[in-house]
């Protein structure tokens, strides 16, 4: 049984929402954040990347940085840039990219659901990244950014959302600099709010799509507060954290590709000869070639594109991890031929989100920075859910979701 909770959000006035809403903290570094927020006092980056208001040489993990986040958040509230709603609501958050719109339910997920694995994960988290976000949540006492969840689509929820959206003007409606449209409604109909909450109770699980570190941090801080409160009841606001829940049939996972610095001392011809053991190889010439199906890869090396189709002996369709193309590439190429055994730590490999296009792979090889590039067919939502349900973990850098959620449309306080 999945928990969804209405909450009293803090939101910006409509007049400044486009300036305040920002990209997530983890998709841009400090230098990029400074540039993006330059001249914009409203940008939420002042709270989620507070180092931009401090000396450029400061450690990102110093107490001064986290305290600055709290100071800036207090200023946002004092200045009326974030205002509390009058009562508990759910919210609808829609995003439009390339003519396609996806509709999410914004509400609070449950810390207990995370701890009891009702909220299912598909990625490992790093303790250092968890602790960074935990400090941010502890000191601001808020979930400043929502996490990105999915759930098995429910026809009645889709109908409630569609009817409300058609009948009510959006509270926010703007297009960001990246041409992604953001549309946001406060769901003020209490009957519809209660019905959606009841329908969520019928879901056996929800799934972390994007934001595993933020999810872990929010849940772990909630659990800390529970252990520190001798009068804990389970109803306190810290038992819940901010999430946007999208139906699985509206989401698109795009490709997450690989570039490698060298061929492990093989010549190009020797390398391609070794690939023939696990793949059927076809020379595609100089025009960009995009994988056409699962188990079909494209490779770019020395100015030419190749189609690589994995032989049936290289994967196991009954194994949710073994059937993944990232697993095939690792087991057939990266480890045995290129001697790259730790994808998380190796300096010889890098990962390129498909949003940049396959031209980015060509560019990085042609520049001499990289020797070879591999493009993969995107993972499906079904594959993600199958892996999460099986309790297994995807290999690193497997999924890339677009569009990214904007931070600052609504904030959740923990008391």
Protein backbone atom coordinates (compact mmCIF):
# COMPACT_ATOMS: atom_id res chain seq x y z
CA UNK A 1 0.00 0.00 0.00
CA UNK A 2 1.60 3.28 -1.14
CA UNK A 3 1.21 6.47 0.86
CA UNK A 4 0.48 9.83 -0.71
CA UNK A 5 -0.08 12.81 1.60
CA UNK A 6 -1.42 16.30 0.94
CA UNK A 7 0.63 19.09 2.50
CA UNK A 8 0.73 22.85 2.98
CA UNK A 9 3.29 23.94 0.42
CA UNK A 10 5.40 27.07 0.20
CA UNK A 11 5.15 28.55 -3.31
CA UNK A 12 6.37 31.63 -5.18
CA UNK A 13 4.02 34.34 -6.39
CA UNK A 14 3.11 33.80 -10.03
CA UNK A 15 4.88 37.04 -10.98
CA UNK A 16 8.34 35.64 -10.14
CA UNK A 17 7.90 31.88 -10.63
CA UNK A 18 9.82 31.73 -13.91
CA UNK A 19 12.79 33.54 -12.33
CA UNK A 20 12.65 31.53 -9.10
CA UNK A 21 12.22 28.00 -10.50
CA UNK A 22 15.64 26.45 -11.16
CA UNK A 23 17.23 23.35 -12.52
CA UNK A 24 18.02 20.66 -9.88
CA UNK A 25 21.14 21.04 -7.77
CA UNK A 26 22.88 18.02 -9.29
CA UNK A 27 22.66 18.88 -13.00
CA UNK A 28 25.00 21.86 -12.86
CA UNK A 29 28.24 22.56 -11.03
CA UNK A 30 28.98 25.60 -8.87
CA UNK A 31 30.47 27.64 -11.71
CA UNK A 32 27.47 26.96 -13.94
CA UNK A 33 25.12 27.79 -11.04
CA UNK A 34 26.87 31.13 -10.44
CA UNK A 35 26.45 32.02 -14.09
CA UNK A 36 22.83 30.88 -14.22
CA UNK A 37 21.83 32.84 -11.11
CA UNK A 38 23.85 35.95 -11.95
CA UNK A 39 21.65 39.03 -11.67
CA UNK A 40 18.66 36.97 -10.51
CA UNK A 41 18.01 37.42 -6.80
CA UNK A 42 14.93 35.18 -7.04
CA UNK A 43 16.71 32.05 -8.30
CA UNK A 44 16.28 29.06 -5.98
CA UNK A 45 19.91 28.25 -6.74
CA UNK A 46 20.71 30.67 -3.90
CA UNK A 47 19.17 28.05 -1.57
CA UNK A 48 19.99 24.72 -3.23
CA UNK A 49 23.50 25.78 -4.39
CA UNK A 50 24.24 28.39 -1.69
CA UNK A 51 27.99 28.33 -2.34
CA UNK A 52 27.27 30.70 -5.24
CA UNK A 53 26.90 33.49 -2.64
CA UNK A 54 30.22 32.67 -0.94
CA UNK A 55 33.90 32.72 -1.87
CA UNK A 56 34.63 30.60 -4.94
CA UNK A 57 37.30 28.62 -3.07
CA UNK A 58 35.06 27.53 -0.19
CA UNK A 59 34.58 23.82 0.43
CA UNK A 60 31.15 22.78 -0.82
CA UNK A 61 30.69 20.73 2.34
CA UNK A 62 31.58 23.38 4.93
CA UNK A 63 29.07 24.37 7.59
CA UNK A 64 29.12 27.88 6.16
CA UNK A 65 27.56 26.61 2.92
CA UNK A 66 24.67 24.81 4.64
CA UNK A 67 24.08 27.74 6.98
CA UNK A 68 23.94 30.04 3.96
CA UNK A 69 21.21 27.82 2.53
CA UNK A 70 19.15 28.33 5.69
CA UNK A 71 19.84 32.08 5.72
CA UNK A 72 18.78 32.42 2.09
CA UNK A 73 15.64 30.32 2.60
CA UNK A 74 14.62 32.52 5.54
CA UNK A 75 15.19 35.58 3.33
CA UNK A 76 13.01 34.11 0.58
CA UNK A 77 10.16 33.66 3.05
CA UNK A 78 10.63 37.05 4.70
CA UNK A 79 10.61 38.77 1.29
CA UNK A 80 7.44 36.98 0.23
CA UNK A 81 9.20 35.04 -2.51
CA UNK A 82 7.93 31.79 -0.95
CA UNK A 83 4.47 31.96 0.63
CA UNK A 84 2.63 29.26 2.58
CA UNK A 85 -0.60 27.89 1.14
CA UNK A 86 -3.61 28.23 3.39
CA UNK A 87 -4.23 24.49 3.82
CA UNK A 88 -3.03 21.03 2.73
CA UNK A 89 -3.22 20.33 -1.00
CA UNK A 90 -2.03 17.99 -3.67
CA UNK A 91 -0.67 19.66 -6.80
CA UNK A 92 -0.48 18.76 -10.49
CA UNK A 93 2.81 19.39 -12.29
CA UNK A 94 2.94 18.92 -16.07
CA UNK A 95 5.95 19.26 -18.34
CA UNK A 96 5.99 19.67 -22.10
CA UNK A 97 9.04 18.79 -24.21
CA UNK A 98 9.16 18.13 -27.97
CA UNK A 99 5.36 18.38 -28.12
CA UNK A 100 4.78 15.68 -25.48
CA UNK A 101 3.27 16.48 -22.06
CA UNK A 102 3.50 14.33 -18.92
CA UNK A 103 1.33 14.94 -15.85
CA UNK A 104 2.55 14.27 -12.32
CA UNK A 105 0.88 14.34 -8.90
CA UNK A 106 2.85 16.41 -6.37
CA UNK A 107 2.43 15.22 -2.82
CA UNK A 108 4.40 13.77 0.05
CA UNK A 109 5.73 10.23 0.05
CA UNK A 110 6.26 8.33 3.28
CA UNK A 111 9.55 7.76 5.10
CA UNK A 112 8.19 4.43 6.33
CA UNK A 113 7.40 3.42 2.73
CA UNK A 114 11.03 4.06 1.84
CA UNK A 115 12.33 2.09 4.81
CA UNK A 116 9.93 -0.81 4.17
CA UNK A 117 10.70 -0.96 0.42
CA UNK A 118 7.20 0.05 -0.68
CA UNK A 119 9.15 2.74 -2.51
CA UNK A 120 11.42 0.70 -4.76
CA UNK A 121 14.88 1.73 -5.99
CA UNK A 122 17.01 0.68 -8.92
CA UNK A 123 20.31 2.47 -8.20
CA UNK A 124 22.97 2.40 -5.51
CA UNK A 125 23.64 5.62 -3.61
CA UNK A 126 26.96 7.01 -2.42
CA UNK A 127 27.22 7.82 1.32
CA UNK A 128 29.05 11.10 0.70
CA UNK A 129 26.33 12.37 -1.61
CA UNK A 130 23.64 11.20 0.81
CA UNK A 131 25.28 13.04 3.69
CA UNK A 132 25.55 16.26 1.67
CA UNK A 133 21.81 16.33 0.98
CA UNK A 134 21.01 15.17 4.53
CA UNK A 135 22.87 18.18 5.93
CA UNK A 136 20.97 20.44 3.57
CA UNK A 137 17.61 18.99 4.67
CA UNK A 138 18.55 19.07 8.37
CA UNK A 139 19.65 22.72 8.36
CA UNK A 140 16.92 24.11 6.10
CA UNK A 141 14.34 21.82 7.76
CA UNK A 142 12.73 21.48 4.35
CA UNK A 143 12.60 19.44 1.18
CA UNK A 144 13.58 22.18 -1.24
CA UNK A 145 13.47 19.93 -4.31
CA UNK A 146 11.03 17.17 -5.21
CA UNK A 147 12.17 13.68 -6.11
CA UNK A 148 10.96 12.08 -9.34
CA UNK A 149 8.77 9.00 -8.77
CA UNK A 150 6.72 6.77 -11.04
CA UNK A 151 3.76 4.48 -10.42
CA UNK A 152 1.78 1.96 -12.48
CA UNK A 153 -0.75 4.08 -14.37
CA UNK A 154 -4.28 4.19 -12.93
CA UNK A 155 -7.07 5.14 -15.34
CA UNK A 156 -9.16 6.89 -12.69
CA UNK A 157 -6.23 9.06 -11.56
CA UNK A 158 -5.55 9.97 -15.20
CA UNK A 159 -9.21 11.00 -15.58
CA UNK A 160 -9.23 13.11 -12.41
CA UNK A 161 -6.08 14.92 -13.54
CA UNK A 162 -7.31 15.42 -17.12
CA UNK A 163 -10.68 16.78 -16.01
CA UNK A 164 -9.14 19.17 -13.49
CA UNK A 165 -6.57 20.47 -15.95
CA UNK A 166 -9.23 21.06 -18.61
CA UNK A 167 -11.53 22.87 -16.19
CA UNK A 168 -9.06 25.07 -14.31
CA UNK A 169 -6.50 27.66 -15.30
CA UNK A 170 -2.95 26.71 -14.32
CA UNK A 171 -1.52 28.57 -11.33
CA UNK A 172 1.83 28.65 -13.14
CA UNK A 173 2.44 28.28 -16.85
CA UNK A 174 5.82 29.19 -18.36
CA UNK A 175 8.49 28.00 -20.74
CA UNK A 176 12.04 27.84 -19.39
CA UNK A 177 15.18 28.82 -21.29
CA UNK A 178 15.63 25.23 -22.48
CA UNK A 179 12.19 25.38 -24.19
CA UNK A 180 10.58 22.96 -21.72
CA UNK A 181 7.09 24.04 -20.69
CA UNK A 182 6.13 23.87 -17.02
CA UNK A 183 2.46 23.91 -15.97
CA UNK A 184 1.31 23.73 -12.35
CA UNK A 185 -2.09 23.53 -10.69
CA UNK A 186 -3.05 23.63 -7.02
CA UNK A 187 -5.63 20.83 -6.67
CA UNK A 188 -8.14 22.72 -4.55
CA UNK A 189 -10.95 20.15 -4.82
CA UNK A 190 -10.79 18.27 -1.49
CA UNK A 191 -12.94 15.42 -2.79
CA UNK A 192 -10.56 14.81 -5.68
CA UNK A 193 -7.55 15.08 -3.34
CA UNK A 194 -9.00 12.42 -1.04
CA UNK A 195 -9.90 10.14 -3.94
CA UNK A 196 -6.36 10.25 -5.38
CA UNK A 197 -4.95 9.47 -1.93
CA UNK A 198 -7.31 6.48 -1.65
CA UNK A 199 -6.30 5.24 -5.11
CA UNK A 200 -2.63 5.42 -4.15
CA UNK A 201 -3.38 3.14 -1.20
CA UNK A 202 -4.29 0.46 -3.75
CA UNK A 203 -0.82 0.61 -5.34
CA UNK A 204 1.56 -2.06 -4.05
CA UNK A 205 4.63 0.08 -4.84
CA UNK A 206 5.95 3.32 -6.23
CA UNK A 207 9.33 3.67 -7.92
CA UNK A 208 12.23 6.12 -7.71
CA UNK A 209 12.79 7.21 -11.29
CA UNK A 210 15.33 9.97 -10.71
CA UNK A 211 16.82 11.44 -7.53
CA UNK A 212 17.96 8.43 -5.50
CA UNK A 213 20.31 10.52 -3.32
CA UNK A 214 17.66 13.14 -2.55
CA UNK A 215 15.17 10.38 -1.74
CA UNK A 216 17.57 8.61 0.60
CA UNK A 217 18.55 11.86 2.30
CA UNK A 218 14.95 12.95 2.86
CA UNK A 219 13.97 9.56 4.27
CA UNK A 220 17.03 9.25 6.51
CA UNK A 221 16.54 12.71 8.00
CA UNK A 222 12.90 11.86 8.68
CA UNK A 223 14.02 8.68 10.39
CA UNK A 224 16.52 10.66 12.50
CA UNK A 225 13.81 13.04 13.64
CA UNK A 226 11.61 10.10 14.55
CA UNK A 227 14.35 8.58 16.75
CA UNK A 228 14.97 11.93 18.43
CA UNK A 229 11.32 12.57 19.32
CA UNK A 230 10.15 10.70 22.44
CA UNK A 231 6.57 11.74 21.67
CA UNK A 232 6.64 10.56 18.07
CA UNK A 233 3.17 9.71 16.70
CA UNK A 234 3.81 9.10 12.99
CA UNK A 235 1.73 12.07 11.91
CA UNK A 236 4.52 14.64 12.11
CA UNK A 237 5.46 16.37 8.88
CA UNK A 238 9.01 14.98 9.03
CA UNK A 239 7.55 11.54 8.34
CA UNK A 240 6.95 12.62 4.75
CA UNK A 241 8.96 14.11 1.91
CA UNK A 242 8.30 15.93 -1.35
CA UNK A 243 7.81 13.89 -4.53
CA UNK A 244 6.27 14.20 -7.99
CA UNK A 245 4.58 10.95 -9.06
CA UNK A 246 4.20 10.31 -12.80
CA UNK A 247 2.28 7.38 -14.32
CA UNK A 248 4.72 4.96 -15.92
CA UNK A 249 3.07 5.06 -19.35
CA UNK A 250 3.76 8.81 -19.72
CA UNK A 251 7.50 8.68 -19.06
CA UNK A 252 10.32 8.33 -21.54
CA UNK A 253 13.80 7.12 -20.64
CA UNK A 254 16.43 8.29 -23.11
CA UNK A 255 19.74 6.67 -23.93
CA UNK A 256 22.81 6.95 -21.69
CA UNK A 257 25.93 6.43 -23.76
CA UNK A 258 29.62 5.67 -23.19
CA UNK A 259 32.91 7.10 -24.47
CA UNK A 260 36.29 5.47 -23.79
CA UNK A 261 39.74 7.09 -23.87
CA UNK A 262 41.77 4.20 -25.33
CA UNK A 263 41.58 0.70 -26.80
CA UNK A 264 43.71 -0.95 -24.10
CA UNK A 265 46.72 -1.09 -26.47
CA UNK A 266 44.78 -2.76 -29.32
CA UNK A 267 44.79 -1.35 -32.82
CA UNK A 268 41.38 -0.48 -34.27
CA UNK A 269 41.42 -3.57 -36.49
CA UNK A 270 42.40 -5.83 -33.58
CA UNK A 271 39.68 -4.29 -31.43
CA UNK A 272 36.95 -4.80 -34.05
CA UNK A 273 38.15 -8.38 -34.58
CA UNK A 274 37.73 -9.06 -30.86
CA UNK A 275 34.19 -7.61 -30.96
CA UNK A 276 33.18 -10.23 -33.53
CA UNK A 277 33.09 -12.87 -30.78
CA UNK A 278 29.99 -11.30 -29.23
CA UNK A 279 28.50 -9.15 -31.99
CA UNK A 280 27.44 -9.15 -35.60
CA UNK A 281 29.14 -6.05 -36.99
CA UNK A 282 28.06 -3.88 -39.91
CA UNK A 283 29.99 -0.89 -41.28
CA UNK A 284 27.58 2.09 -41.51
CA UNK A 285 30.00 4.64 -42.95
CA UNK A 286 30.28 8.28 -41.91
CA UNK A 287 26.58 9.09 -41.33
CA UNK A 288 25.46 8.95 -37.69
CA UNK A 289 23.90 5.60 -36.90
CA UNK A 290 21.38 5.29 -34.04
CA UNK A 291 20.56 1.91 -32.43
CA UNK A 292 17.25 0.59 -33.74
CA UNK A 293 16.27 -1.93 -31.03
CA UNK A 294 17.33 -3.61 -27.81
CA UNK A 295 20.65 -5.44 -28.17
CA UNK A 296 21.65 -3.26 -31.11
CA UNK A 297 24.45 -0.76 -30.44
CA UNK A 298 26.16 1.88 -32.49
CA UNK A 299 29.90 2.39 -32.27
CA UNK A 300 31.92 5.34 -33.53
CA UNK A 301 35.65 4.96 -34.07
CA UNK A 302 38.17 6.61 -36.43
CA UNK A 303 35.51 8.60 -38.30
CA UNK A 304 33.15 5.69 -38.98
CA UNK A 305 29.94 4.33 -37.46
CA UNK A 306 29.24 0.65 -36.94
CA UNK A 307 26.14 -1.35 -36.03
CA UNK A 308 26.82 -3.97 -33.35
CA UNK A 309 24.09 -6.55 -32.78
CA UNK A 310 24.62 -8.74 -29.73
CA UNK A 311 24.59 -12.47 -30.38
CA UNK A 312 21.95 -14.43 -28.43
CA UNK A 313 24.61 -16.18 -26.38
CA UNK A 314 25.65 -12.84 -24.82
CA UNK A 315 22.48 -12.15 -22.79
CA UNK A 316 19.78 -13.83 -20.73
CA UNK A 317 16.21 -12.67 -21.39
CA UNK A 318 15.03 -14.25 -18.13
CA UNK A 319 17.43 -12.15 -16.02
CA UNK A 320 16.26 -8.52 -15.61
CA UNK A 321 19.89 -7.37 -15.22
CA UNK A 322 21.46 -9.78 -17.69
CA UNK A 323 19.13 -8.65 -20.47
CA UNK A 324 20.15 -4.99 -20.20
CA UNK A 325 22.28 -3.57 -22.98
CA UNK A 326 24.53 -1.84 -20.43
CA UNK A 327 25.24 -5.29 -18.98
CA UNK A 328 25.98 -6.76 -22.40
CA UNK A 329 28.37 -3.92 -23.22
CA UNK A 330 30.13 -4.27 -19.89
CA UNK A 331 30.40 -8.06 -20.02
CA UNK A 332 31.38 -8.31 -23.68
CA UNK A 333 33.48 -5.18 -24.25
CA UNK A 334 34.35 -2.93 -21.33
CA UNK A 335 35.63 -5.59 -18.92
CA UNK A 336 37.13 -8.38 -21.06
CA UNK A 337 38.54 -6.34 -23.95
CA UNK A 338 39.11 -2.82 -22.61
CA UNK A 339 39.92 -3.89 -19.03
CA UNK A 340 37.55 -1.35 -17.43
CA UNK A 341 36.31 -3.14 -14.32
CA UNK A 342 34.91 -0.33 -12.15
CA UNK A 343 32.62 1.94 -14.14
CA UNK A 344 32.05 4.19 -11.14
CA UNK A 345 35.72 5.02 -10.58
CA UNK A 346 37.59 4.44 -13.85
CA UNK A 347 39.05 7.60 -15.40
CA UNK A 348 39.18 5.93 -18.82
CA UNK A 349 35.41 6.02 -19.40
CA UNK A 350 32.84 8.77 -19.40
CA UNK A 351 29.05 8.84 -19.78
CA UNK A 352 27.02 11.06 -22.08
CA UNK A 353 23.29 11.61 -21.67
CA UNK A 354 21.32 11.06 -24.85
CA UNK A 355 19.79 14.53 -24.56
CA UNK A 356 23.09 15.78 -26.05
CA UNK A 357 22.57 13.70 -29.19
CA UNK A 358 24.93 11.27 -30.91
CA UNK A 359 26.76 14.21 -32.44
CA UNK A 360 28.30 14.75 -29.01
CA UNK A 361 29.84 11.25 -29.17
CA UNK A 362 31.31 12.00 -32.60
CA UNK A 363 32.65 15.33 -31.36
CA UNK A 364 34.45 13.80 -28.39
CA UNK A 365 36.07 11.09 -30.49
CA UNK A 366 36.99 13.38 -33.37
CA UNK A 367 38.64 15.81 -30.93
CA UNK A 368 41.07 13.09 -29.84
CA UNK A 369 39.79 13.24 -26.25
CA UNK A 370 38.21 9.80 -26.66
CA UNK A 371 39.06 6.85 -28.87
CA UNK A 372 35.70 5.08 -29.21
CA UNK A 373 32.04 5.77 -28.42
CA UNK A 374 29.10 3.44 -27.90
CA UNK A 375 25.44 4.45 -28.18
CA UNK A 376 22.81 2.27 -26.52
CA UNK A 377 19.11 1.74 -27.08
CA UNK A 378 17.17 3.29 -24.16
CA UNK A 379 16.01 1.20 -21.23
CA UNK A 380 12.21 0.85 -20.98
CA UNK A 381 10.06 1.70 -17.96
CA UNK A 382 9.07 -1.98 -17.87
CA UNK A 383 12.72 -2.99 -17.53
CA UNK A 384 13.23 -0.43 -14.73
CA UNK A 385 10.16 -1.67 -12.83
CA UNK A 386 11.10 -5.34 -13.33
CA UNK A 387 14.54 -4.68 -11.86
CA UNK A 388 13.19 -2.67 -8.92
CA UNK A 389 10.59 -5.37 -8.20
CA UNK A 390 13.26 -8.05 -8.27
CA UNK A 391 15.28 -6.18 -5.65
CA UNK A 392 18.24 -5.88 -7.99
CA UNK A 393 20.28 -2.80 -8.84
CA UNK A 394 20.93 -1.42 -12.30
CA UNK A 395 24.52 -0.91 -13.42
CA UNK A 396 25.73 2.69 -13.08
CA UNK A 397 24.61 5.30 -15.59
CA UNK A 398 21.78 3.26 -17.10
CA UNK A 399 18.82 5.65 -17.16
CA UNK A 400 18.46 9.29 -18.16
CA UNK A 401 15.11 11.00 -17.70
CA UNK A 402 14.08 14.18 -19.48
CA UNK A 403 12.70 16.68 -18.88
CA UNK A 404 14.15 17.35 -15.43
CA UNK A 405 11.88 18.67 -12.70
CA UNK A 406 12.18 22.38 -11.91
CA UNK A 407 12.89 23.12 -8.27
CA UNK A 408 10.97 25.81 -6.41
CA UNK A 409 7.44 25.41 -7.73
CA UNK A 410 6.54 24.12 -4.28
CA UNK A 411 8.59 23.47 -1.11
CA UNK A 412 7.78 21.14 1.79
CA UNK A 413 8.69 22.10 5.37
CA UNK A 414 9.33 19.37 7.95
CA UNK A 415 7.30 20.87 10.80
